[in-house]
PDB file of N, CA and C in Angstrom:
ATOM      1  N   THR A   1     -19.016 -11.682  -0.655  1.00  0.00           N
ATOM      2  CA  THR A   1     -20.375 -11.238  -0.843  1.00  0.00           C
ATOM      3  C   THR A   1     -20.654 -11.065  -2.334  1.00  0.00           C
ATOM      4  N   PRO A   2     -21.900 -11.110  -2.730  1.00  0.00           N
ATOM      5  CA  PRO A   2     -22.224 -10.941  -4.158  1.00  0.00           C
ATOM      6  C   PRO A   2     -21.755  -9.603  -4.729  1.00  0.00           C
ATOM      7  N   ILE A   3     -21.825  -8.561  -3.927  1.00  0.00           N
ATOM      8  CA  ILE A   3     -21.378  -7.252  -4.410  1.00  0.00           C
ATOM      9  C   ILE A   3     -19.878  -7.273  -4.680  1.00  0.00           C
ATOM     10  N   CYS A   4     -19.121  -7.890  -3.780  1.00  0.00           N
ATOM     11  CA  CYS A   4     -17.672  -7.982  -3.976  1.00  0.00           C
ATOM     12  C   CYS A   4     -17.342  -8.788  -5.229  1.00  0.00           C
ATOM     13  N   ARG A   5     -18.100  -9.852  -5.465  1.00  0.00           N
ATOM     14  CA  ARG A   5     -17.883 -10.632  -6.684  1.00  0.00           C
ATOM     15  C   ARG A   5     -18.211  -9.816  -7.916  1.00  0.00           C
ATOM     16  N   ALA A   6     -19.309  -9.076  -7.860  1.00  0.00           N
ATOM     17  CA  ALA A   6     -19.721  -8.266  -9.007  1.00  0.00           C
ATOM     18  C   ALA A   6     -18.696  -7.173  -9.307  1.00  0.00           C
ATOM     19  N   LEU A   7     -18.069  -6.634  -8.271  1.00  0.00           N
ATOM     20  CA  LEU A   7     -17.052  -5.599  -8.461  1.00  0.00           C
ATOM     21  C   LEU A   7     -15.668  -6.172  -8.722  1.00  0.00           C
ATOM     22  N   ARG A   8     -15.552  -7.516  -8.695  1.00  0.00           N
ATOM     23  CA  ARG A   8     -14.269  -8.194  -8.875  1.00  0.00           C
ATOM     24  C   ARG A   8     -13.228  -7.716  -7.846  1.00  0.00           C
ATOM     25  N   MET A   9     -13.647  -7.632  -6.607  1.00  0.00           N
ATOM     26  CA  MET A   9     -12.795  -7.108  -5.547  1.00  0.00           C
ATOM     27  C   MET A   9     -11.558  -7.972  -5.292  1.00  0.00           C
ATOM     28  N   ASN A  10     -11.673  -9.281  -5.452  1.00  0.00           N
ATOM     29  CA  ASN A  10     -10.494 -10.124  -5.235  1.00  0.00           C
ATOM     30  C   ASN A  10      -9.404  -9.787  -6.232  1.00  0.00           C
ATOM     31  N   SER A  11      -9.777  -9.602  -7.492  1.00  0.00           N
ATOM     32  CA  SER A  11      -8.791  -9.249  -8.515  1.00  0.00           C
ATOM     33  C   SER A  11      -8.208  -7.875  -8.242  1.00  0.00           C
ATOM     34  N   LYS A  12      -9.063  -6.945  -7.856  1.00  0.00           N
ATOM     35  CA  LYS A  12      -8.600  -5.587  -7.585  1.00  0.00           C
ATOM     36  C   LYS A  12      -7.718  -5.542  -6.345  1.00  0.00           C
ATOM     37  N   ALA A  13      -8.082  -6.304  -5.337  1.00  0.00           N
ATOM     38  CA  ALA A  13      -7.283  -6.337  -4.114  1.00  0.00           C
ATOM     39  C   ALA A  13      -5.924  -6.982  -4.367  1.00  0.00           C
ATOM     40  N   ALA A  14      -5.871  -7.913  -5.299  1.00  0.00           N
ATOM     41  CA  ALA A  14      -4.601  -8.574  -5.613  1.00  0.00           C
ATOM     42  C   ALA A  14      -3.581  -7.591  -6.175  1.00  0.00           C
ATOM     43  N   LEU A  15      -4.057  -6.501  -6.777  1.00  0.00           N
ATOM     44  CA  LEU A  15      -3.131  -5.494  -7.300  1.00  0.00           C
ATOM     45  C   LEU A  15      -2.309  -4.847  -6.194  1.00  0.00           C
ATOM     46  N   CYS A  16      -2.825  -4.875  -4.970  1.00  0.00           N
ATOM     47  CA  CYS A  16      -2.069  -4.320  -3.846  1.00  0.00           C
ATOM     48  C   CYS A  16      -0.752  -5.069  -3.641  1.00  0.00           C
ATOM     49  N   GLU A  17      -0.733  -6.312  -4.023  1.00  0.00           N
ATOM     50  CA  GLU A  17       0.467  -7.135  -3.821  1.00  0.00           C
ATOM     51  C   GLU A  17       1.497  -6.960  -4.935  1.00  0.00           C
ATOM     52  N   LEU A  18       1.196  -6.126  -5.909  1.00  0.00           N
ATOM     53  CA  LEU A  18       2.112  -5.912  -7.025  1.00  0.00           C
ATOM     54  C   LEU A  18       3.442  -5.310  -6.583  1.00  0.00           C
ATOM     55  N   SER A  19       3.450  -4.638  -5.458  1.00  0.00           N
ATOM     56  CA  SER A  19       4.686  -4.012  -4.991  1.00  0.00           C
ATOM     57  C   SER A  19       5.665  -5.018  -4.370  1.00  0.00           C
ATOM     58  N   ASN A  20       5.192  -6.186  -3.975  1.00  0.00           N
ATOM     59  CA  ASN A  20       6.062  -7.159  -3.301  1.00  0.00           C
ATOM     60  C   ASN A  20       7.281  -7.597  -4.118  1.00  0.00           C
ATOM     61  N   PRO A  21       7.140  -7.940  -5.399  1.00  0.00           N
ATOM     62  CA  PRO A  21       8.349  -8.328  -6.147  1.00  0.00           C
ATOM     63  C   PRO A  21       9.386  -7.214  -6.203  1.00  0.00           C
ATOM     64  N   PHE A  22       8.928  -5.972  -6.269  1.00  0.00           N
ATOM     65  CA  PHE A  22       9.858  -4.844  -6.309  1.00  0.00           C
ATOM     66  C   PHE A  22      10.537  -4.635  -4.965  1.00  0.00           C
ATOM     67  N   MET A  23       9.824  -4.943  -3.877  1.00  0.00           N
ATOM     68  CA  MET A  23      10.436  -4.860  -2.563  1.00  0.00           C
ATOM     69  C   MET A  23      11.570  -5.886  -2.444  1.00  0.00           C
ATOM     70  N   HIS A  24      11.304  -7.117  -2.907  1.00  0.00           N
ATOM     71  CA  HIS A  24      12.334  -8.155  -2.833  1.00  0.00           C
ATOM     72  C   HIS A  24      13.508  -7.836  -3.750  1.00  0.00           C
ATOM     73  N   LEU A  25      13.218  -7.301  -4.926  1.00  0.00           N
ATOM     74  CA  LEU A  25      14.292  -6.892  -5.834  1.00  0.00           C
ATOM     75  C   LEU A  25      15.158  -5.832  -5.178  1.00  0.00           C
ATOM     76  N   SER A  26      14.523  -4.853  -4.593  1.00  0.00           N
ATOM     77  CA  SER A  26      15.246  -3.773  -3.930  1.00  0.00           C
ATOM     78  C   SER A  26      16.076  -4.288  -2.756  1.00  0.00           C
ATOM     79  N   ARG A  27      15.493  -5.169  -1.991  1.00  0.00           N
ATOM     80  CA  ARG A  27      16.204  -5.706  -0.824  1.00  0.00           C
ATOM     81  C   ARG A  27      17.382  -6.575  -1.239  1.00  0.00           C
ATOM     82  N   ASN A  28      17.224  -7.336  -2.316  1.00  0.00           N
ATOM     83  CA  ASN A  28      18.306  -8.234  -2.752  1.00  0.00           C
ATOM     84  C   ASN A  28      19.440  -7.506  -3.458  1.00  0.00           C
ATOM     85  N   THR A  29      19.123  -6.466  -4.221  1.00  0.00           N
ATOM     86  CA  THR A  29      20.164  -5.778  -4.984  1.00  0.00           C
ATOM     87  C   THR A  29      20.748  -4.581  -4.254  1.00  0.00           C
ATOM     88  N   ARG A  30      19.973  -3.977  -3.381  1.00  0.00           N
ATOM     89  CA  ARG A  30      20.379  -2.775  -2.633  1.00  0.00           C
ATOM     90  C   ARG A  30      20.715  -1.600  -3.553  1.00  0.00           C
ATOM     91  N   LYS A  31      20.135  -1.580  -4.737  1.00  0.00           N
ATOM     92  CA  LYS A  31      20.370  -0.477  -5.670  1.00  0.00           C
ATOM     93  C   LYS A  31      19.317   0.600  -5.431  1.00  0.00           C
ATOM     94  N   PRO A  32      19.746   1.861  -5.354  1.00  0.00           N
ATOM     95  CA  PRO A  32      18.795   2.956  -5.106  1.00  0.00           C
ATOM     96  C   PRO A  32      17.678   3.037  -6.153  1.00  0.00           C
ATOM     97  N   LEU A  33      17.992   2.787  -7.397  1.00  0.00           N
ATOM     98  CA  LEU A  33      16.973   2.850  -8.439  1.00  0.00           C
ATOM     99  C   LEU A  33      15.878   1.811  -8.208  1.00  0.00           C
ATOM    100  N   HIS A  34      16.264   0.632  -7.739  1.00  0.00           N
ATOM    101  CA  HIS A  34      15.278  -0.410  -7.457  1.00  0.00           C
ATOM    102  C   HIS A  34      14.387  -0.009  -6.272  1.00  0.00           C
ATOM    103  N   PHE A  35      14.979   0.673  -5.292  1.00  0.00           N
ATOM    104  CA  PHE A  35      14.172   1.124  -4.158  1.00  0.00           C
ATOM    105  C   PHE A  35      13.196   2.210  -4.586  1.00  0.00           C
ATOM    106  N   ILE A  36      13.634   3.106  -5.461  1.00  0.00           N
ATOM    107  CA  ILE A  36      12.744   4.152  -5.979  1.00  0.00           C
ATOM    108  C   ILE A  36      11.600   3.514  -6.765  1.00  0.00           C
ATOM    109  N   LEU A  37      11.915   2.499  -7.550  1.00  0.00           N
ATOM    110  CA  LEU A  37      10.884   1.776  -8.289  1.00  0.00           C
ATOM    111  C   LEU A  37       9.893   1.127  -7.323  1.00  0.00           C
ATOM    112  N   PHE A  38      10.410   0.491  -6.285  1.00  0.00           N
ATOM    113  CA  PHE A  38       9.538  -0.117  -5.269  1.00  0.00           C
ATOM    114  C   PHE A  38       8.644   0.938  -4.623  1.00  0.00           C
ATOM    115  N   ALA A  39       9.224   2.070  -4.232  1.00  0.00           N
ATOM    116  CA  ALA A  39       8.450   3.123  -3.568  1.00  0.00           C
ATOM    117  C   ALA A  39       7.341   3.644  -4.487  1.00  0.00           C
ATOM    118  N   THR A  40       7.646   3.782  -5.757  1.00  0.00           N
ATOM    119  CA  THR A  40       6.651   4.265  -6.717  1.00  0.00           C
ATOM    120  C   THR A  40       5.504   3.272  -6.872  1.00  0.00           C
ATOM    121  N   VAL A  41       5.843   2.001  -7.045  1.00  0.00           N
ATOM    122  CA  VAL A  41       4.806   0.973  -7.206  1.00  0.00           C
ATOM    123  C   VAL A  41       4.003   0.829  -5.915  1.00  0.00           C
ATOM    124  N   PHE A  42       4.663   0.890  -4.766  1.00  0.00           N
ATOM    125  CA  PHE A  42       3.971   0.823  -3.480  1.00  0.00           C
ATOM    126  C   PHE A  42       2.960   1.963  -3.379  1.00  0.00           C
ATOM    127  N   PHE A  43       3.393   3.174  -3.739  1.00  0.00           N
ATOM    128  CA  PHE A  43       2.499   4.326  -3.676  1.00  0.00           C
ATOM    129  C   PHE A  43       1.283   4.139  -4.582  1.00  0.00           C
ATOM    130  N   LEU A  44       1.518   3.715  -5.808  1.00  0.00           N
ATOM    131  CA  LEU A  44       0.420   3.554  -6.757  1.00  0.00           C
ATOM    132  C   LEU A  44      -0.533   2.432  -6.354  1.00  0.00           C
ATOM    133  N   CYS A  45       0.027   1.296  -5.945  1.00  0.00           N
ATOM    134  CA  CYS A  45      -0.792   0.102  -5.687  1.00  0.00           C
ATOM    135  C   CYS A  45      -1.406   0.054  -4.302  1.00  0.00           C
ATOM    136  N   ARG A  46      -0.849   0.774  -3.366  1.00  0.00           N
ATOM    137  CA  ARG A  46      -1.368   0.682  -1.997  1.00  0.00           C
ATOM    138  C   ARG A  46      -1.910   2.004  -1.470  1.00  0.00           C
ATOM    139  N   ILE A  47      -1.233   3.095  -1.737  1.00  0.00           N
ATOM    140  CA  ILE A  47      -1.672   4.376  -1.190  1.00  0.00           C
ATOM    141  C   ILE A  47      -2.769   4.992  -2.062  1.00  0.00           C
ATOM    142  N   LEU A  48      -2.655   4.880  -3.360  1.00  0.00           N
ATOM    143  CA  LEU A  48      -3.695   5.422  -4.246  1.00  0.00           C
ATOM    144  C   LEU A  48      -4.832   4.432  -4.510  1.00  0.00           C
ATOM    145  N   TRP A  49      -4.518   3.163  -4.631  1.00  0.00           N
ATOM    146  CA  TRP A  49      -5.502   2.167  -5.061  1.00  0.00           C
ATOM    147  C   TRP A  49      -6.518   1.810  -3.974  1.00  0.00           C
ATOM    148  N   ILE A  50      -6.090   1.699  -2.727  1.00  0.00           N
ATOM    149  CA  ILE A  50      -7.001   1.265  -1.664  1.00  0.00           C
ATOM    150  C   ILE A  50      -8.162   2.246  -1.456  1.00  0.00           C
ATOM    151  N   PRO A  51      -7.941   3.568  -1.446  1.00  0.00           N
ATOM    152  CA  PRO A  51      -9.107   4.459  -1.331  1.00  0.00           C
ATOM    153  C   PRO A  51     -10.098   4.310  -2.485  1.00  0.00           C
ATOM    154  N   ILE A  52      -9.604   3.963  -3.653  1.00  0.00           N
ATOM    155  CA  ILE A  52     -10.502   3.713  -4.784  1.00  0.00           C
ATOM    156  C   ILE A  52     -11.372   2.495  -4.492  1.00  0.00           C
ATOM    157  N   LEU A  53     -10.778   1.445  -3.943  1.00  0.00           N
ATOM    158  CA  LEU A  53     -11.551   0.252  -3.581  1.00  0.00           C
ATOM    159  C   LEU A  53     -12.600   0.582  -2.517  1.00  0.00           C
ATOM    160  N   VAL A  54     -12.185   1.357  -1.522  1.00  0.00           N
ATOM    161  CA  VAL A  54     -13.119   1.753  -0.456  1.00  0.00           C
ATOM    162  C   VAL A  54     -14.289   2.525  -1.056  1.00  0.00           C
ATOM    163  N   ARG A  55     -13.988   3.431  -1.954  1.00  0.00           N
ATOM    164  CA  ARG A  55     -15.055   4.233  -2.573  1.00  0.00           C
ATOM    165  C   ARG A  55     -15.999   3.371  -3.415  1.00  0.00           C
ATOM    166  N   GLN A  56     -15.442   2.419  -4.168  1.00  0.00           N
ATOM    167  CA  GLN A  56     -16.286   1.539  -4.977  1.00  0.00           C
ATOM    168  C   GLN A  56     -17.232   0.726  -4.098  1.00  0.00           C
ATOM    169  N   LEU A  57     -16.736   0.233  -2.983  1.00  0.00           N
ATOM    170  CA  LEU A  57     -17.600  -0.495  -2.053  1.00  0.00           C
ATOM    171  C   LEU A  57     -18.645   0.425  -1.442  1.00  0.00           C
ATOM    172  N   TYR A  58     -18.232   1.612  -1.075  1.00  0.00           N
ATOM    173  CA  TYR A  58     -19.151   2.574  -0.471  1.00  0.00           C
ATOM    174  C   TYR A  58     -20.259   2.955  -1.459  1.00  0.00           C
ATOM    175  N   ASP A  59     -19.903   3.099  -2.713  1.00  0.00           N
ATOM    176  CA  ASP A  59     -20.899   3.422  -3.745  1.00  0.00           C
ATOM    177  C   ASP A  59     -21.923   2.308  -3.929  1.00  0.00           C
ATOM    178  N   GLN A  60     -21.569   1.093  -3.497  1.00  0.00           N
ATOM    179  CA  GLN A  60     -22.489  -0.045  -3.565  1.00  0.00           C
ATOM    180  C   GLN A  60     -23.206  -0.266  -2.229  1.00  0.00           C
ATOM    181  N   ASN A  61     -23.257   0.780  -1.423  1.00  0.00           N
ATOM    182  CA  ASN A  61     -23.941   0.777  -0.123  1.00  0.00           C
ATOM    183  C   ASN A  61     -23.296  -0.138   0.912  1.00  0.00           C
ATOM    184  N   ILE A  62     -22.015  -0.382   0.787  1.00  0.00           N
ATOM    185  CA  ILE A  62     -21.284  -1.072   1.858  1.00  0.00           C
ATOM    186  C   ILE A  62     -20.655   0.033   2.693  1.00  0.00           C
ATOM    187  N   GLN A  63     -21.275   0.288   3.838  1.00  0.00           N
ATOM    188  CA  GLN A  63     -20.895   1.420   4.677  1.00  0.00           C
ATOM    189  C   GLN A  63     -19.511   1.216   5.305  1.00  0.00           C
ATOM    190  N   LEU A  64     -18.962   2.314   5.809  1.00  0.00           N
ATOM    191  CA  LEU A  64     -17.618   2.275   6.386  1.00  0.00           C
ATOM    192  C   LEU A  64     -17.539   1.450   7.661  1.00  0.00           C
ATOM    193  N   HIS A  65     -18.654   1.181   8.307  1.00  0.00           N
ATOM    194  CA  HIS A  65     -18.646   0.353   9.522  1.00  0.00           C
ATOM    195  C   HIS A  65     -18.844  -1.130   9.208  1.00  0.00           C
ATOM    196  N   ASP A  66     -18.979  -1.477   7.943  1.00  0.00           N
ATOM    197  CA  ASP A  66     -19.080  -2.879   7.533  1.00  0.00           C
ATOM    198  C   ASP A  66     -17.716  -3.553   7.751  1.00  0.00           C
ATOM    199  N   PRO A  67     -17.702  -4.820   8.168  1.00  0.00           N
ATOM    200  CA  PRO A  67     -16.421  -5.500   8.422  1.00  0.00           C
ATOM    201  C   PRO A  67     -15.444  -5.475   7.242  1.00  0.00           C
ATOM    202  N   ILE A  68     -15.939  -5.563   6.024  1.00  0.00           N
ATOM    203  CA  ILE A  68     -15.044  -5.513   4.858  1.00  0.00           C
ATOM    204  C   ILE A  68     -14.337  -4.162   4.793  1.00  0.00           C
ATOM    205  N   GLN A  69     -15.095  -3.111   5.015  1.00  0.00           N
ATOM    206  CA  GLN A  69     -14.517  -1.772   4.974  1.00  0.00           C
ATOM    207  C   GLN A  69     -13.548  -1.553   6.144  1.00  0.00           C
ATOM    208  N   ILE A  70     -13.901  -2.065   7.311  1.00  0.00           N
ATOM    209  CA  ILE A  70     -13.027  -1.907   8.473  1.00  0.00           C
ATOM    210  C   ILE A  70     -11.678  -2.581   8.221  1.00  0.00           C
ATOM    211  N   VAL A  71     -11.712  -3.781   7.680  1.00  0.00           N
ATOM    212  CA  VAL A  71     -10.462  -4.488   7.373  1.00  0.00           C
ATOM    213  C   VAL A  71      -9.665  -3.730   6.318  1.00  0.00           C
ATOM    214  N   LEU A  72     -10.336  -3.271   5.283  1.00  0.00           N
ATOM    215  CA  LEU A  72      -9.659  -2.548   4.205  1.00  0.00           C
ATOM    216  C   LEU A  72      -9.053  -1.240   4.717  1.00  0.00           C
ATOM    217  N   LEU A  73      -9.782  -0.522   5.545  1.00  0.00           N
ATOM    218  CA  LEU A  73      -9.257   0.727   6.095  1.00  0.00           C
ATOM    219  C   LEU A  73      -8.125   0.477   7.093  1.00  0.00           C
ATOM    220  N   SER A  74      -8.204  -0.610   7.840  1.00  0.00           N
ATOM    221  CA  SER A  74      -7.096  -0.970   8.739  1.00  0.00           C
ATOM    222  C   SER A  74      -5.845  -1.301   7.945  1.00  0.00           C
ATOM    223  N   PHE A  75      -6.028  -2.045   6.869  1.00  0.00           N
ATOM    224  CA  PHE A  75      -4.913  -2.369   5.968  1.00  0.00           C
ATOM    225  C   PHE A  75      -4.324  -1.088   5.381  1.00  0.00           C
ATOM    226  N   TYR A  76      -5.181  -0.136   5.052  1.00  0.00           N
ATOM    227  CA  TYR A  76      -4.722   1.144   4.512  1.00  0.00           C
ATOM    228  C   TYR A  76      -3.894   1.893   5.560  1.00  0.00           C
ATOM    229  N   GLY A  77      -4.350   1.876   6.812  1.00  0.00           N
ATOM    230  CA  GLY A  77      -3.589   2.518   7.879  1.00  0.00           C
ATOM    231  C   GLY A  77      -2.204   1.910   8.034  1.00  0.00           C
ATOM    232  N   LEU A  78      -2.128   0.598   7.951  1.00  0.00           N
ATOM    233  CA  LEU A  78      -0.832  -0.079   8.021  1.00  0.00           C
ATOM    234  C   LEU A  78       0.060   0.333   6.852  1.00  0.00           C
ATOM    235  N   ASN A  79      -0.530   0.440   5.664  1.00  0.00           N
ATOM    236  CA  ASN A  79       0.238   0.852   4.498  1.00  0.00           C
ATOM    237  C   ASN A  79       0.724   2.293   4.608  1.00  0.00           C
ATOM    238  N   LEU A  80      -0.073   3.166   5.221  1.00  0.00           N
ATOM    239  CA  LEU A  80       0.382   4.533   5.455  1.00  0.00           C
ATOM    240  C   LEU A  80       1.588   4.550   6.388  1.00  0.00           C
ATOM    241  N   PHE A  81       1.548   3.703   7.408  1.00  0.00           N
ATOM    242  CA  PHE A  81       2.683   3.581   8.324  1.00  0.00           C
ATOM    243  C   PHE A  81       3.947   3.160   7.569  1.00  0.00           C
ATOM    244  N   TRP A  82       3.815   2.126   6.731  1.00  0.00           N
ATOM    245  CA  TRP A  82       4.973   1.657   5.971  1.00  0.00           C
ATOM    246  C   TRP A  82       5.431   2.687   4.944  1.00  0.00           C
ATOM    247  N   PHE A  83       4.484   3.384   4.328  1.00  0.00           N
ATOM    248  CA  PHE A  83       4.856   4.399   3.343  1.00  0.00           C
ATOM    249  C   PHE A  83       5.626   5.536   4.004  1.00  0.00           C
ATOM    250  N   HIS A  84       5.249   5.882   5.233  1.00  0.00           N
ATOM    251  CA  HIS A  84       6.000   6.890   5.974  1.00  0.00           C
ATOM    252  C   HIS A  84       7.453   6.455   6.134  1.00  0.00           C
ATOM    253  N   LYS A  85       7.672   5.197   6.466  1.00  0.00           N
ATOM    254  CA  LYS A  85       9.034   4.681   6.611  1.00  0.00           C
ATOM    255  C   LYS A  85       9.774   4.679   5.272  1.00  0.00           C
ATOM    256  N   ILE A  86       9.073   4.330   4.190  1.00  0.00           N
ATOM    257  CA  ILE A  86       9.679   4.319   2.852  1.00  0.00           C
ATOM    258  C   ILE A  86      10.124   5.729   2.468  1.00  0.00           C
ATOM    259  N   VAL A  87       9.268   6.711   2.717  1.00  0.00           N
ATOM    260  CA  VAL A  87       9.607   8.099   2.381  1.00  0.00           C
ATOM    261  C   VAL A  87      10.801   8.558   3.204  1.00  0.00           C
ATOM    262  N   ARG A  88      10.836   8.165   4.463  1.00  0.00           N
ATOM    263  CA  ARG A  88      11.974   8.542   5.307  1.00  0.00           C
ATOM    264  C   ARG A  88      13.276   7.942   4.769  1.00  0.00           C
ATOM    265  N   ILE A  89      13.222   6.714   4.287  1.00  0.00           N
ATOM    266  CA  ILE A  89      14.407   6.090   3.689  1.00  0.00           C
ATOM    267  C   ILE A  89      14.800   6.838   2.419  1.00  0.00           C
ATOM    268  N   LEU A  90      13.819   7.233   1.615  1.00  0.00           N
ATOM    269  CA  LEU A  90      14.122   7.983   0.395  1.00  0.00           C
ATOM    270  C   LEU A  90      14.792   9.316   0.718  1.00  0.00           C
ATOM    271  N   ILE A  91      14.332   9.960   1.775  1.00  0.00           N
ATOM    272  CA  ILE A  91      14.888  11.271   2.145  1.00  0.00           C
ATOM    273  C   ILE A  91      16.289  11.137   2.737  1.00  0.00           C
ATOM    274  N   THR A  92      16.464  10.184   3.633  1.00  0.00           N
ATOM    275  CA  THR A  92      17.757  10.058   4.328  1.00  0.00           C
ATOM    276  C   THR A  92      18.740   9.165   3.582  1.00  0.00           C
ATOM    277  N   GLY A  93      18.307   8.501   2.548  1.00  0.00           N
ATOM    278  CA  GLY A  93      19.192   7.591   1.828  1.00  0.00           C
ATOM    279  C   GLY A  93      19.432   6.297   2.584  1.00  0.00           C
ATOM    280  N   GLY A  94      18.577   5.984   3.545  1.00  0.00           N
ATOM    281  CA  GLY A  94      18.707   4.753   4.299  1.00  0.00           C
ATOM    282  C   GLY A  94      19.630   4.847   5.497  1.00  0.00           C
ATOM    283  N   LYS A  95      20.176   6.035   5.731  1.00  0.00           N
ATOM    284  CA  LYS A  95      21.067   6.198   6.873  1.00  0.00           C
ATOM    285  C   LYS A  95      20.241   6.536   8.097  1.00  0.00           C
ATOM    286  N   SER A  96      20.549   5.870   9.198  1.00  0.00           N
ATOM    287  CA  SER A  96      19.805   6.158  10.431  1.00  0.00           C
ATOM    288  C   SER A  96      20.249   7.487  10.992  1.00  0.00           C
ATOM    289  N   GLU A  97      19.287   8.205  11.527  1.00  0.00           N
ATOM    290  CA  GLU A  97      19.577   9.505  12.127  1.00  0.00           C
ATOM    291  C   GLU A  97      19.762   9.311  13.620  1.00  0.00           C
ATOM    292  N   LYS A  98      21.013   9.396  14.067  1.00  0.00           N
ATOM    293  CA  LYS A  98      21.288   9.269  15.495  1.00  0.00           C
ATOM    294  C   LYS A  98      21.530  10.644  16.068  1.00  0.00           C
ATOM    295  N   LYS A  99      20.908  10.884  17.220  1.00  0.00           N
ATOM    296  CA  LYS A  99      21.101  12.175  17.878  1.00  0.00           C
ATOM    297  C   LYS A  99      22.466  12.180  18.566  1.00  0.00           C
ATOM    298  N   GLU A 100      23.189  13.267  18.330  1.00  0.00           N
ATOM    299  CA  GLU A 100      24.482  13.404  18.999  1.00  0.00           C
ATOM    300  C   GLU A 100      24.272  14.002  20.361  1.00  0.00           C
ATOM    301  N   GLN A 101      25.015  13.506  21.317  1.00  0.00           N
ATOM    302  CA  GLN A 101      24.866  13.997  22.691  1.00  0.00           C
ATOM    303  C   GLN A 101      25.980  14.914  23.045  1.00  0.00           C
TER     304      GLN A 101
END
């Protein structure tokens, strides 16, 4: 849409993908520092950045029930799910918690 072009939404949305190289680095090296770096970039680029995008669109009269906003908010919900898993890995050190019987 013209508003999205004027706000440069494609460029801004591309920043969400900045965490991917750090995820692959972390997965390939298995170093805790790389995972912490990934978690930090994921938080900044996906958990903090997406609400800013939603607000910028909303300020341009693109309501929350607009398809663009619905997709963006759905993507945000998915990222919250993944961030919950990332935080759990940070807390447990990646060890699975099995209940003893």
